[in-house]
Amino acid sequence: MAMYGIIPKFLVRWNSSMSRCICSPDMMEAGPYGVVDPILDRDEGIARMQWSDEKKRASMSDMKAIESFFDVQLPTLYIDVQLQHHGARPRPTRFNTDLRTGAAIKSFLPVTKEYTINVFAVSSWLSGRIGTNMIPFAGDSAGNYLCLYYQYRQGEPVVVFWNHEKEYTYEFVADSFGEFLGLLY
């Protein structure tokens, strides 16, 4: 018999007047597919997200290490997702790019070096094959990666899909990480 219950999680809301995400403690219900978190996106309203196969918890110092290594400021919502669901598999998984429909995420990349496949390792493997201002954050089953693309090195990065069969090219996905989560289906 499956056991479900109420466990503490955070509700992430986009505050347009402050142009940032705000986290507040909330109680979420655990179901047969894991924890269901409502994420309020500024454009898409409430998107129901389910997470599975979470890795050992990441810390804020892990997130700061990524920011320092890549010399960027990560989107607040990305940090919140990784702190709550480190390296997890989201559901829904499908998204569209400007060139394809129905691409799917396998999982978010872990942010700690204790896992062989992590943000640092994948970035190193792809060095010279992806843009210099791209940080891989999730992969699919075919060896392609979703990346945060800091095209102007300041402000919110866009989300792009890097296809390993077409090196040095990428497909546009979303104007922000929050918009990307809202577009998953």
Foldseek 3Di string as FASTA:
>chain_A
DDDKDKDKDWEWEQDVVVRAIDIDIDIFIADPQGTWYWYQFPPQGTDTKHWDDADPADDVVLVVVVCVVLVADAHPVLVRCCRRRFFIAMPPFWFAFPVGGGAGWPTWAGSDVVDVTHQVNVCVVCVVQEDSQWTFTTHGPPGKTWTFGPPPRDDAGFIWIGDPVDTHDITGTGRHPSVNSSRRD
